[in-house]
Amino acid sequence: MARIELYTTAWCGYCVRAKSLLEQRGLPFEEIRVDSDPHFRTRLQELTGGWTVPQIVVDGEPIGGYVELVALDRTGDLARLAA
């Protein structure tokens, strides 16, 4: 199984949706809360190339945020990527 990292904040509705989608698909993930880091946007930009949350990384490869996660799920690529 692939390692899925989910960078989130407490106030992000899309983070809640991303977690819910991964849970519905039975895909384990590590949630990394960045809201206590005042420079989290800079950190995310360096780690993933994106500055919004959620940011999702699968086996070290950034896939984007919630919209990209849903797109991967709709095409069946999420299941293949996470296998």
C-alpha atoms as a PDB file:
ATOM      1  CA  MET A   1       0.000   0.000   0.000  1.00  0.00           C
ATOM      2  CA  ALA A   2       1.232   3.465  -0.873  1.00  0.00           C
ATOM      3  CA  ARG A   3       2.072   6.006   1.819  1.00  0.00           C
ATOM      4  CA  ILE A   4      -0.390   8.895   1.685  1.00  0.00           C
ATOM      5  CA  GLU A   5       0.397  12.144   3.475  1.00  0.00           C
ATOM      6  CA  LEU A   6      -2.343  14.729   3.852  1.00  0.00           C
ATOM      7  CA  TYR A   7      -1.304  18.245   4.877  1.00  0.00           C
ATOM      8  CA  THR A   8      -4.255  19.970   6.560  1.00  0.00           C
ATOM      9  CA  THR A   9      -5.468  22.755   8.810  1.00  0.00           C
ATOM     10  CA  ALA A  10      -8.349  22.720  11.297  1.00  0.00           C
ATOM     11  CA  TRP A  11     -10.327  25.405   9.461  1.00  0.00           C
ATOM     12  CA  CYS A  12     -10.212  23.879   5.980  1.00  0.00           C
ATOM     13  CA  GLY A  13     -13.436  22.392   4.612  1.00  0.00           C
ATOM     14  CA  TYR A  14     -11.620  20.823   1.667  1.00  0.00           C
ATOM     15  CA  CYS A  15      -9.303  19.077   4.124  1.00  0.00           C
ATOM     16  CA  VAL A  16     -12.329  17.489   5.803  1.00  0.00           C
ATOM     17  CA  ARG A  17     -13.629  16.383   2.401  1.00  0.00           C
ATOM     18  CA  ALA A  18     -10.257  14.928   1.376  1.00  0.00           C
ATOM     19  CA  LYS A  19     -10.017  12.951   4.623  1.00  0.00           C
ATOM     20  CA  SER A  20     -13.570  11.712   4.156  1.00  0.00           C
ATOM     21  CA  LEU A  21     -12.903  10.553   0.591  1.00  0.00           C
ATOM     22  CA  LEU A  22      -9.772   8.672   1.599  1.00  0.00           C
ATOM     23  CA  GLU A  23     -11.611   7.070   4.523  1.00  0.00           C
ATOM     24  CA  GLN A  24     -14.542   6.083   2.284  1.00  0.00           C
ATOM     25  CA  ARG A  25     -12.115   4.381  -0.085  1.00  0.00           C
ATOM     26  CA  GLY A  26     -10.419   2.585   2.813  1.00  0.00           C
ATOM     27  CA  LEU A  27      -7.078   4.240   2.090  1.00  0.00           C
ATOM     28  CA  PRO A  28      -4.920   4.819   5.173  1.00  0.00           C
ATOM     29  CA  PHE A  29      -3.233   8.195   5.372  1.00  0.00           C
ATOM     30  CA  GLU A  30      -1.115  10.270   7.695  1.00  0.00           C
ATOM     31  CA  GLU A  31      -2.632  13.639   8.515  1.00  0.00           C
ATOM     32  CA  ILE A  32      -0.026  16.340   9.014  1.00  0.00           C
ATOM     33  CA  ARG A  33      -1.548  19.412  10.604  1.00  0.00           C
ATOM     34  CA  VAL A  34       0.247  22.594   9.624  1.00  0.00           C
ATOM     35  CA  ASP A  35      -1.965  25.176  11.300  1.00  0.00           C
ATOM     36  CA  SER A  36       0.426  25.656  14.214  1.00  0.00           C
ATOM     37  CA  ASP A  37       3.197  26.674  11.795  1.00  0.00           C
ATOM     38  CA  PRO A  38       2.930  30.404  10.986  1.00  0.00           C
ATOM     39  CA  HIS A  39       4.935  29.804   7.820  1.00  0.00           C
ATOM     40  CA  PHE A  40       3.024  26.738   6.658  1.00  0.00           C
ATOM     41  CA  ARG A  41       2.372  28.145   3.175  1.00  0.00           C
ATOM     42  CA  THR A  42       6.096  28.506   2.565  1.00  0.00           C
ATOM     43  CA  ARG A  43       6.668  25.008   3.911  1.00  0.00           C
ATOM     44  CA  LEU A  44       3.963  23.544   1.666  1.00  0.00           C
ATOM     45  CA  GLN A  45       5.348  25.361  -1.370  1.00  0.00           C
ATOM     46  CA  GLU A  46       8.761  23.851  -0.710  1.00  0.00           C
ATOM     47  CA  LEU A  47       7.393  20.332  -0.064  1.00  0.00           C
ATOM     48  CA  THR A  48       4.658  20.070  -2.666  1.00  0.00           C
ATOM     49  CA  GLY A  49       4.804  23.007  -5.044  1.00  0.00           C
ATOM     50  CA  GLY A  50       1.376  24.131  -3.775  1.00  0.00           C
ATOM     51  CA  TRP A  51       0.538  26.641  -1.086  1.00  0.00           C
ATOM     52  CA  THR A  52      -3.081  25.821  -0.285  1.00  0.00           C
ATOM     53  CA  VAL A  53      -4.468  23.038   1.890  1.00  0.00           C
ATOM     54  CA  PRO A  54      -5.052  20.243   1.620  1.00  0.00           C
ATOM     55  CA  GLN A  55      -1.916  19.087  -0.129  1.00  0.00           C
ATOM     56  CA  ILE A  56      -1.711  15.379  -0.788  1.00  0.00           C
ATOM     57  CA  VAL A  57       1.489  13.417  -1.313  1.00  0.00           C
ATOM     58  CA  VAL A  58       1.490   9.765  -2.396  1.00  0.00           C
ATOM     59  CA  ASP A  59       4.774   7.889  -1.987  1.00  0.00           C
ATOM     60  CA  GLY A  60       6.685  11.166  -2.027  1.00  0.00           C
ATOM     61  CA  GLU A  61       4.947  12.509  -5.157  1.00  0.00           C
ATOM     62  CA  PRO A  62       2.695  15.550  -4.720  1.00  0.00           C
ATOM     63  CA  ILE A  63      -0.663  15.023  -6.431  1.00  0.00           C
ATOM     64  CA  GLY A  64      -2.230  18.374  -5.532  1.00  0.00           C
ATOM     65  CA  GLY A  65      -5.256  19.202  -3.450  1.00  0.00           C
ATOM     66  CA  TYR A  66      -8.848  18.102  -3.067  1.00  0.00           C
ATOM     67  CA  VAL A  67      -9.862  18.807  -6.679  1.00  0.00           C
ATOM     68  CA  GLU A  68      -7.001  16.678  -7.996  1.00  0.00           C
ATOM     69  CA  LEU A  69      -7.819  13.924  -5.485  1.00  0.00           C
ATOM     70  CA  VAL A  70     -11.429  13.785  -6.685  1.00  0.00           C
ATOM     71  CA  ALA A  71     -10.311  13.732 -10.325  1.00  0.00           C
ATOM     72  CA  LEU A  72      -7.994  10.789  -9.606  1.00  0.00           C
ATOM     73  CA  ASP A  73     -10.817   9.005  -7.807  1.00  0.00           C
ATOM     74  CA  ARG A  74     -13.284   9.516 -10.676  1.00  0.00           C
ATOM     75  CA  THR A  75     -10.906   8.001 -13.224  1.00  0.00           C
ATOM     76  CA  GLY A  76      -9.934   5.094 -10.966  1.00  0.00           C
ATOM     77  CA  ASP A  77      -6.352   6.323 -10.850  1.00  0.00           C
ATOM     78  CA  LEU A  78      -6.514   6.934  -7.085  1.00  0.00           C
ATOM     79  CA  ALA A  79      -7.015   3.233  -6.399  1.00  0.00           C
ATOM     80  CA  ARG A  80      -4.159   2.318  -8.737  1.00  0.00           C
ATOM     81  CA  LEU A  81      -1.868   5.012  -7.335  1.00  0.00           C
ATOM     82  CA  ALA A  82      -2.572   4.002  -3.735  1.00  0.00           C
ATOM     83  CA  ALA A  83      -2.127   0.258  -4.325  1.00  0.00           C
END
